[in-house]
Amino acid sequence: MHVLLIHQIFAGPDDPGGTRHYEIARYLAEHGHRVTVIASSVKYLTGEMVGPETTPLPPGMRIVRIAGRQDIHKSYASRARAFFSFAGGALRAAVALRDIDVVWGTSPPLVQLVPAWVASWRCPGDSSSRSAISGRSSPWGWVSCATARLRARRWG
């Protein structure tokens, strides 16, 4: 299964901050899944550019870095620009990926859910993974992708 994680503030093993998303992605990769992470090229805690990874990633895991704004902590306006800029870049990167089975969007910020939602439209599934109210994909499309895939594996 190919899992796409969209996480602007993704902290890898060499970065300061919480690494729970890295640990989950590493676990999935070590158990035979492909994991692609779309993350910012700027460290959220320090505002510095992310350097090359010194700890090797497990086979099956890759990180796609999106150009980020280093003025993220300058003001509320610059933070909002950074969030929306990342969402746009993540959307472009996500649409370019192929064979995605599960989309995993994180927040904060909530605008990260937009590229996750759009990317989830391309996940395998049927009309039952769509919103029962609107007939369209729900904002929680990543759950729909996972649910549809699990249903398909469990009941053929």
N, C-alpha and C. Protein backbone atom coordinates (compact mmCIF):
# COMPACT_ATOMS: atom_id res chain seq x y z
N MET A 1 0.85 -1.17 0.00
CA MET A 1 0.00 0.00 0.00
C MET A 1 0.90 1.24 0.00
N HIS A 2 0.54 2.26 -0.76
CA HIS A 2 1.28 3.51 -0.83
C HIS A 2 0.54 4.57 0.00
N VAL A 3 1.21 5.04 1.05
CA VAL A 3 0.63 6.02 1.97
C VAL A 3 1.27 7.37 1.69
N LEU A 4 0.45 8.38 1.53
CA LEU A 4 0.92 9.77 1.38
C LEU A 4 0.62 10.52 2.66
N LEU A 5 1.65 11.08 3.26
CA LEU A 5 1.51 11.91 4.46
C LEU A 5 1.84 13.35 4.09
N ILE A 6 0.90 14.25 4.33
CA ILE A 6 1.12 15.68 4.09
C ILE A 6 1.23 16.34 5.46
N HIS A 7 2.43 16.87 5.75
CA HIS A 7 2.70 17.38 7.09
C HIS A 7 3.74 18.51 6.98
N GLN A 8 3.28 19.75 7.07
CA GLN A 8 4.18 20.90 6.93
C GLN A 8 5.28 20.90 7.98
N ILE A 9 4.95 20.51 9.19
CA ILE A 9 5.88 20.63 10.31
C ILE A 9 6.49 19.25 10.62
N PHE A 10 6.70 18.44 9.62
CA PHE A 10 7.23 17.10 9.78
C PHE A 10 8.64 17.15 10.36
N ALA A 11 8.85 16.42 11.45
CA ALA A 11 10.17 16.34 12.08
C ALA A 11 10.70 14.93 11.89
N GLY A 12 11.82 14.85 11.18
CA GLY A 12 12.47 13.57 10.97
C GLY A 12 13.34 13.21 12.17
N PRO A 13 14.10 12.15 12.06
CA PRO A 13 14.89 11.69 13.19
C PRO A 13 16.00 12.66 13.60
N ASP A 14 16.41 13.54 12.71
CA ASP A 14 17.49 14.49 13.00
C ASP A 14 16.97 15.86 13.41
N ASP A 15 15.66 16.03 13.46
CA ASP A 15 15.07 17.35 13.71
C ASP A 15 14.57 17.49 15.14
N PRO A 16 14.58 18.74 15.64
CA PRO A 16 13.97 18.95 16.96
C PRO A 16 12.45 18.87 16.85
N GLY A 17 11.82 18.51 17.93
CA GLY A 17 10.35 18.44 17.94
C GLY A 17 9.86 17.02 17.99
N GLY A 18 8.55 16.88 17.99
CA GLY A 18 7.92 15.57 18.06
C GLY A 18 8.08 14.79 16.78
N THR A 19 8.48 13.55 16.89
CA THR A 19 8.72 12.72 15.70
C THR A 19 7.69 11.60 15.55
N ARG A 20 6.53 11.74 16.18
CA ARG A 20 5.56 10.64 16.14
C ARG A 20 5.13 10.29 14.72
N HIS A 21 4.99 11.28 13.86
CA HIS A 21 4.58 10.98 12.48
C HIS A 21 5.70 10.27 11.73
N TYR A 22 6.94 10.65 12.00
CA TYR A 22 8.08 9.93 11.42
C TYR A 22 8.08 8.48 11.90
N GLU A 23 7.87 8.28 13.19
CA GLU A 23 7.89 6.92 13.76
C GLU A 23 6.80 6.06 13.15
N ILE A 24 5.61 6.61 12.97
CA ILE A 24 4.52 5.85 12.35
C ILE A 24 4.86 5.53 10.90
N ALA A 25 5.38 6.53 10.17
CA ALA A 25 5.76 6.32 8.76
C ALA A 25 6.88 5.29 8.66
N ARG A 26 7.85 5.36 9.55
CA ARG A 26 8.96 4.40 9.56
C ARG A 26 8.42 2.99 9.81
N TYR A 27 7.52 2.86 10.76
CA TYR A 27 6.91 1.57 11.06
C TYR A 27 6.20 1.00 9.82
N LEU A 28 5.41 1.84 9.15
CA LEU A 28 4.71 1.38 7.95
C LEU A 28 5.70 0.93 6.88
N ALA A 29 6.76 1.71 6.66
CA ALA A 29 7.76 1.37 5.65
C ALA A 29 8.47 0.06 6.01
N GLU A 30 8.78 -0.12 7.27
CA GLU A 30 9.46 -1.34 7.71
C GLU A 30 8.56 -2.57 7.58
N HIS A 31 7.26 -2.36 7.49
CA HIS A 31 6.32 -3.47 7.33
C HIS A 31 5.80 -3.60 5.90
N GLY A 32 6.58 -3.13 4.95
CA GLY A 32 6.30 -3.38 3.54
C GLY A 32 5.49 -2.35 2.80
N HIS A 33 5.11 -1.26 3.43
CA HIS A 33 4.34 -0.23 2.74
C HIS A 33 5.28 0.84 2.21
N ARG A 34 4.85 1.51 1.14
CA ARG A 34 5.58 2.68 0.65
C ARG A 34 4.97 3.90 1.31
N VAL A 35 5.83 4.80 1.77
CA VAL A 35 5.37 6.02 2.43
C VAL A 35 6.06 7.21 1.77
N THR A 36 5.27 8.16 1.30
CA THR A 36 5.78 9.41 0.77
C THR A 36 5.31 10.52 1.69
N VAL A 37 6.25 11.32 2.18
CA VAL A 37 5.94 12.44 3.06
C VAL A 37 6.16 13.73 2.28
N ILE A 38 5.17 14.60 2.25
CA ILE A 38 5.33 15.94 1.69
C ILE A 38 5.45 16.87 2.88
N ALA A 39 6.59 17.56 2.98
CA ALA A 39 6.88 18.41 4.14
C ALA A 39 7.54 19.71 3.69
N SER A 40 7.58 20.66 4.59
CA SER A 40 8.21 21.95 4.31
C SER A 40 9.74 21.81 4.35
N SER A 41 10.41 22.66 3.61
CA SER A 41 11.88 22.69 3.64
C SER A 41 12.40 23.56 4.77
N VAL A 42 11.48 24.09 5.59
CA VAL A 42 11.86 24.95 6.72
C VAL A 42 11.47 24.25 8.02
N LYS A 43 12.41 24.21 8.95
CA LYS A 43 12.12 23.65 10.28
C LYS A 43 11.22 24.62 11.02
N TYR A 44 10.11 24.13 11.51
CA TYR A 44 9.14 25.01 12.16
C TYR A 44 9.69 25.62 13.44
N LEU A 45 10.37 24.84 14.25
CA LEU A 45 10.84 25.33 15.55
C LEU A 45 11.95 26.38 15.43
N THR A 46 12.80 26.24 14.42
CA THR A 46 13.95 27.14 14.31
C THR A 46 13.84 28.14 13.17
N GLY A 47 13.02 27.86 12.16
CA GLY A 47 12.94 28.73 10.98
C GLY A 47 14.09 28.54 10.02
N GLU A 48 14.96 27.58 10.28
CA GLU A 48 16.11 27.31 9.41
C GLU A 48 15.71 26.33 8.31
N MET A 49 16.48 26.34 7.24
CA MET A 49 16.25 25.39 6.16
C MET A 49 16.66 23.99 6.62
N VAL A 50 15.92 23.00 6.18
CA VAL A 50 16.24 21.62 6.50
C VAL A 50 17.45 21.21 5.68
N GLY A 51 18.43 20.64 6.33
CA GLY A 51 19.61 20.15 5.63
C GLY A 51 19.41 18.72 5.16
N PRO A 52 20.44 18.16 4.56
CA PRO A 52 20.32 16.76 4.13
C PRO A 52 20.16 15.84 5.33
N GLU A 53 19.41 14.77 5.14
CA GLU A 53 19.18 13.80 6.21
C GLU A 53 20.50 13.10 6.52
N THR A 54 20.86 13.05 7.79
CA THR A 54 22.07 12.32 8.19
C THR A 54 21.73 10.90 8.62
N THR A 55 20.51 10.69 9.10
CA THR A 55 20.05 9.35 9.43
C THR A 55 19.33 8.81 8.20
N PRO A 56 19.78 7.67 7.67
CA PRO A 56 19.11 7.15 6.47
C PRO A 56 17.66 6.78 6.74
N LEU A 57 16.83 7.04 5.75
CA LEU A 57 15.42 6.66 5.84
C LEU A 57 15.30 5.17 5.55
N PRO A 58 14.30 4.53 6.12
CA PRO A 58 14.11 3.11 5.83
C PRO A 58 13.71 2.91 4.37
N PRO A 59 14.05 1.77 3.80
CA PRO A 59 13.62 1.49 2.42
C PRO A 59 12.10 1.61 2.31
N GLY A 60 11.65 2.24 1.26
CA GLY A 60 10.22 2.42 1.04
C GLY A 60 9.68 3.75 1.54
N MET A 61 10.53 4.55 2.19
CA MET A 61 10.09 5.85 2.70
C MET A 61 10.88 6.96 2.01
N ARG A 62 10.16 7.98 1.59
CA ARG A 62 10.85 9.15 1.02
C ARG A 62 10.16 10.42 1.47
N ILE A 63 10.96 11.48 1.54
CA ILE A 63 10.44 12.79 1.95
C ILE A 63 10.60 13.75 0.79
N VAL A 64 9.49 14.38 0.40
CA VAL A 64 9.50 15.40 -0.65
C VAL A 64 9.40 16.74 0.07
N ARG A 65 10.42 17.56 -0.05
CA ARG A 65 10.43 18.86 0.62
C ARG A 65 9.90 19.93 -0.33
N ILE A 66 8.96 20.73 0.18
CA ILE A 66 8.36 21.83 -0.55
C ILE A 66 9.02 23.12 -0.07
N ALA A 67 9.34 24.00 -1.00
CA ALA A 67 9.95 25.29 -0.63
C ALA A 67 9.09 25.97 0.42
N GLY A 68 9.73 26.41 1.49
CA GLY A 68 9.00 27.05 2.58
C GLY A 68 9.48 28.46 2.82
N ARG A 69 8.72 29.18 3.59
CA ARG A 69 9.03 30.57 3.93
C ARG A 69 9.75 30.60 5.27
N GLN A 70 10.90 31.26 5.31
CA GLN A 70 11.67 31.32 6.54
C GLN A 70 11.17 32.40 7.50
N ASP A 71 10.25 33.23 7.05
CA ASP A 71 9.72 34.28 7.92
C ASP A 71 8.45 33.83 8.66
N ILE A 72 8.31 32.52 8.84
CA ILE A 72 7.08 31.96 9.41
C ILE A 72 6.76 32.49 10.80
N HIS A 73 7.78 32.90 11.57
CA HIS A 73 7.55 33.39 12.93
C HIS A 73 7.60 34.91 13.05
N LYS A 74 7.66 35.59 11.93
CA LYS A 74 7.78 37.05 11.95
C LYS A 74 6.50 37.74 12.40
N SER A 75 5.36 37.28 11.90
CA SER A 75 4.07 37.89 12.24
C SER A 75 2.96 36.89 11.91
N TYR A 76 1.75 37.22 12.35
CA TYR A 76 0.62 36.36 12.01
C TYR A 76 0.39 36.31 10.50
N ALA A 77 0.58 37.44 9.85
CA ALA A 77 0.38 37.49 8.40
C ALA A 77 1.42 36.61 7.68
N SER A 78 2.67 36.67 8.12
CA SER A 78 3.70 35.85 7.47
C SER A 78 3.45 34.37 7.76
N ARG A 79 2.96 34.06 8.94
CA ARG A 79 2.63 32.67 9.25
C ARG A 79 1.50 32.18 8.35
N ALA A 80 0.47 33.00 8.16
CA ALA A 80 -0.63 32.62 7.27
C ALA A 80 -0.14 32.43 5.84
N ARG A 81 0.75 33.33 5.37
CA ARG A 81 1.32 33.17 4.02
C ARG A 81 2.09 31.85 3.92
N ALA A 82 2.85 31.53 4.95
CA ALA A 82 3.62 30.28 4.94
C ALA A 82 2.68 29.07 4.88
N PHE A 83 1.60 29.11 5.65
CA PHE A 83 0.66 28.00 5.67
C PHE A 83 0.00 27.81 4.30
N PHE A 84 -0.48 28.91 3.71
CA PHE A 84 -1.16 28.81 2.41
C PHE A 84 -0.17 28.48 1.29
N SER A 85 1.04 29.00 1.38
CA SER A 85 2.08 28.68 0.40
C SER A 85 2.39 27.18 0.43
N PHE A 86 2.52 26.65 1.63
CA PHE A 86 2.79 25.21 1.73
C PHE A 86 1.62 24.40 1.18
N ALA A 87 0.41 24.79 1.49
CA ALA A 87 -0.76 24.06 1.01
C ALA A 87 -0.78 24.01 -0.52
N GLY A 88 -0.44 25.13 -1.17
CA GLY A 88 -0.39 25.15 -2.63
C GLY A 88 0.70 24.25 -3.17
N GLY A 89 1.89 24.33 -2.58
CA GLY A 89 2.99 23.47 -3.02
C GLY A 89 2.70 22.00 -2.77
N ALA A 90 2.10 21.70 -1.63
CA ALA A 90 1.75 20.32 -1.30
C ALA A 90 0.70 19.78 -2.26
N LEU A 91 -0.23 20.63 -2.65
CA LEU A 91 -1.25 20.21 -3.60
C LEU A 91 -0.61 19.84 -4.94
N ARG A 92 0.29 20.69 -5.42
CA ARG A 92 0.98 20.39 -6.69
C ARG A 92 1.78 19.09 -6.58
N ALA A 93 2.49 18.90 -5.48
CA ALA A 93 3.29 17.68 -5.31
C ALA A 93 2.41 16.44 -5.18
N ALA A 94 1.31 16.56 -4.46
CA ALA A 94 0.42 15.41 -4.26
C ALA A 94 -0.24 14.98 -5.56
N VAL A 95 -0.65 15.94 -6.37
CA VAL A 95 -1.31 15.62 -7.64
C VAL A 95 -0.33 14.92 -8.59
N ALA A 96 0.96 15.20 -8.46
CA ALA A 96 1.96 14.59 -9.33
C ALA A 96 2.27 13.15 -8.95
N LEU A 97 1.90 12.72 -7.77
CA LEU A 97 2.19 11.36 -7.31
C LEU A 97 1.20 10.37 -7.92
N ARG A 98 1.68 9.16 -8.12
CA ARG A 98 0.84 8.10 -8.69
C ARG A 98 0.67 6.98 -7.67
N ASP A 99 -0.32 6.18 -7.87
CA ASP A 99 -0.55 4.96 -7.09
C ASP A 99 -0.71 5.22 -5.60
N ILE A 100 -1.43 6.24 -5.22
CA ILE A 100 -1.67 6.51 -3.81
C ILE A 100 -2.88 5.70 -3.35
N ASP A 101 -2.71 4.99 -2.24
CA ASP A 101 -3.81 4.21 -1.68
C ASP A 101 -4.45 4.89 -0.48
N VAL A 102 -3.63 5.56 0.33
CA VAL A 102 -4.12 6.21 1.54
C VAL A 102 -3.50 7.59 1.63
N VAL A 103 -4.31 8.60 1.91
CA VAL A 103 -3.81 9.95 2.12
C VAL A 103 -4.02 10.29 3.58
N TRP A 104 -2.95 10.76 4.19
CA TRP A 104 -2.94 11.07 5.61
C TRP A 104 -2.59 12.54 5.75
N GLY A 105 -3.57 13.37 6.05
CA GLY A 105 -3.36 14.80 6.22
C GLY A 105 -3.33 15.15 7.69
N THR A 106 -2.42 16.02 8.07
CA THR A 106 -2.31 16.42 9.47
C THR A 106 -2.60 17.90 9.63
N SER A 107 -2.89 18.28 10.84
CA SER A 107 -3.03 19.69 11.15
C SER A 107 -2.56 19.88 12.58
N PRO A 108 -2.14 21.02 13.01
CA PRO A 108 -2.27 22.31 12.36
C PRO A 108 -1.26 22.46 11.24
N PRO A 109 -1.45 23.36 10.39
CA PRO A 109 -2.61 24.20 10.18
C PRO A 109 -3.67 23.46 9.39
N LEU A 110 -4.89 23.91 9.53
CA LEU A 110 -6.01 23.24 8.88
C LEU A 110 -5.94 23.30 7.36
N VAL A 111 -5.25 24.30 6.80
CA VAL A 111 -5.19 24.39 5.33
C VAL A 111 -4.46 23.21 4.72
N GLN A 112 -3.70 22.45 5.51
CA GLN A 112 -3.04 21.25 5.00
C GLN A 112 -4.03 20.19 4.60
N LEU A 113 -5.22 20.26 5.15
CA LEU A 113 -6.23 19.26 4.82
C LEU A 113 -6.76 19.43 3.40
N VAL A 114 -6.63 20.62 2.82
CA VAL A 114 -7.11 20.84 1.45
C VAL A 114 -6.33 19.98 0.46
N PRO A 115 -4.99 20.03 0.45
CA PRO A 115 -4.29 19.14 -0.49
C PRO A 115 -4.53 17.66 -0.19
N ALA A 116 -4.70 17.30 1.09
CA ALA A 116 -4.98 15.90 1.42
C ALA A 116 -6.35 15.50 0.87
N TRP A 117 -7.31 16.38 1.02
CA TRP A 117 -8.66 16.09 0.52
C TRP A 117 -8.65 15.92 -1.00
N VAL A 118 -7.99 16.83 -1.70
CA VAL A 118 -7.94 16.75 -3.17
C VAL A 118 -7.18 15.50 -3.60
N ALA A 119 -6.06 15.20 -2.95
CA ALA A 119 -5.29 14.00 -3.31
C ALA A 119 -6.11 12.73 -3.07
N SER A 120 -6.98 12.75 -2.07
CA SER A 120 -7.77 11.56 -1.75
C SER A 120 -8.78 11.23 -2.85
N TRP A 121 -9.13 12.19 -3.69
CA TRP A 121 -10.06 11.92 -4.78
C TRP A 121 -9.53 10.86 -5.73
N ARG A 122 -8.21 10.74 -5.79
CA ARG A 122 -7.59 9.81 -6.73
C ARG A 122 -7.34 8.45 -6.13
N CYS A 123 -7.70 8.26 -4.87
CA CYS A 123 -7.52 6.97 -4.22
C CYS A 123 -8.53 5.98 -4.76
N PRO A 124 -8.17 4.69 -4.75
CA PRO A 124 -9.15 3.70 -5.19
C PRO A 124 -10.35 3.70 -4.26
N GLY A 125 -11.45 3.40 -4.77
CA GLY A 125 -12.67 3.36 -3.97
C GLY A 125 -13.87 3.41 -4.87
N ASP A 126 -15.02 3.33 -4.29
CA ASP A 126 -16.25 3.40 -5.05
C ASP A 126 -17.13 4.49 -4.46
N SER A 127 -18.34 4.56 -4.91
CA SER A 127 -19.22 5.63 -4.45
C SER A 127 -19.53 5.53 -2.96
N SER A 128 -19.33 4.37 -2.35
CA SER A 128 -19.62 4.25 -0.93
C SER A 128 -18.57 4.96 -0.08
N SER A 129 -17.44 5.35 -0.69
CA SER A 129 -16.44 6.11 0.06
C SER A 129 -16.68 7.61 -0.05
N ARG A 130 -17.76 7.98 -0.69
CA ARG A 130 -18.12 9.38 -0.83
C ARG A 130 -19.09 9.79 0.29
N SER A 131 -19.22 11.06 0.46
CA SER A 131 -20.11 11.57 1.49
C SER A 131 -21.56 11.21 1.17
N ALA A 132 -22.26 10.68 2.14
CA ALA A 132 -23.66 10.31 1.94
C ALA A 132 -24.55 11.54 1.80
N ILE A 133 -24.10 12.68 2.32
CA ILE A 133 -24.93 13.88 2.29
C ILE A 133 -24.83 14.59 0.96
N SER A 134 -23.60 14.86 0.50
CA SER A 134 -23.43 15.68 -0.70
C SER A 134 -23.21 14.87 -1.96
N GLY A 135 -22.84 13.58 -1.82
CA GLY A 135 -22.52 12.81 -3.01
C GLY A 135 -21.11 13.07 -3.49
N ARG A 136 -20.38 13.94 -2.80
CA ARG A 136 -19.01 14.26 -3.17
C ARG A 136 -18.07 13.71 -2.12
N SER A 137 -16.77 13.78 -2.41
CA SER A 137 -15.78 13.37 -1.40
C SER A 137 -15.92 14.26 -0.19
N SER A 138 -15.80 13.66 0.97
CA SER A 138 -15.88 14.44 2.20
C SER A 138 -14.52 15.06 2.50
N PRO A 139 -14.46 16.07 3.38
CA PRO A 139 -13.17 16.61 3.79
C PRO A 139 -12.32 15.55 4.49
N TRP A 140 -12.93 14.48 4.90
CA TRP A 140 -12.21 13.39 5.55
C TRP A 140 -11.96 12.27 4.54
N GLY A 141 -11.68 12.65 3.30
CA GLY A 141 -11.48 11.68 2.22
C GLY A 141 -10.38 10.70 2.50
N TRP A 142 -9.38 11.10 3.26
CA TRP A 142 -8.29 10.18 3.59
C TRP A 142 -8.82 9.00 4.39
N VAL A 143 -9.81 9.22 5.22
CA VAL A 143 -10.43 8.11 5.94
C VAL A 143 -11.19 7.24 4.95
N SER A 144 -11.87 7.90 4.01
CA SER A 144 -12.62 7.15 3.00
C SER A 144 -11.71 6.27 2.18
N CYS A 145 -10.52 6.78 1.81
CA CYS A 145 -9.56 5.98 1.04
C CYS A 145 -9.18 4.74 1.82
N ALA A 146 -8.80 4.92 3.07
CA ALA A 146 -8.37 3.80 3.89
C ALA A 146 -9.51 2.81 4.08
N THR A 147 -10.70 3.31 4.32
CA THR A 147 -11.86 2.45 4.55
C THR A 147 -12.18 1.65 3.29
N ALA A 148 -12.17 2.31 2.15
CA ALA A 148 -12.48 1.62 0.89
C ALA A 148 -11.45 0.54 0.60
N ARG A 149 -10.18 0.85 0.84
CA ARG A 149 -9.11 -0.13 0.58
C ARG A 149 -9.24 -1.33 1.53
N LEU A 150 -9.51 -1.07 2.79
CA LEU A 150 -9.65 -2.16 3.75
C LEU A 150 -10.87 -3.03 3.42
N ARG A 151 -11.97 -2.38 3.01
CA ARG A 151 -13.16 -3.14 2.62
C ARG A 151 -12.84 -4.05 1.44
N ALA A 152 -12.11 -3.51 0.47
CA ALA A 152 -11.78 -4.27 -0.72
C ALA A 152 -10.90 -5.48 -0.37
N ARG A 153 -9.98 -5.30 0.54
CA ARG A 153 -9.10 -6.42 0.94
C ARG A 153 -9.84 -7.45 1.78
N ARG A 154 -10.73 -6.97 2.63
CA ARG A 154 -11.42 -7.89 3.56
C ARG A 154 -12.51 -8.69 2.86
N TRP A 155 -13.28 -8.04 2.01
CA TRP A 155 -14.42 -8.72 1.40
C TRP A 155 -14.26 -8.96 -0.09
N GLY A 156 -13.07 -8.71 -0.61
CA GLY A 156 -12.80 -8.99 -2.01
C GLY A 156 -13.53 -8.08 -2.89
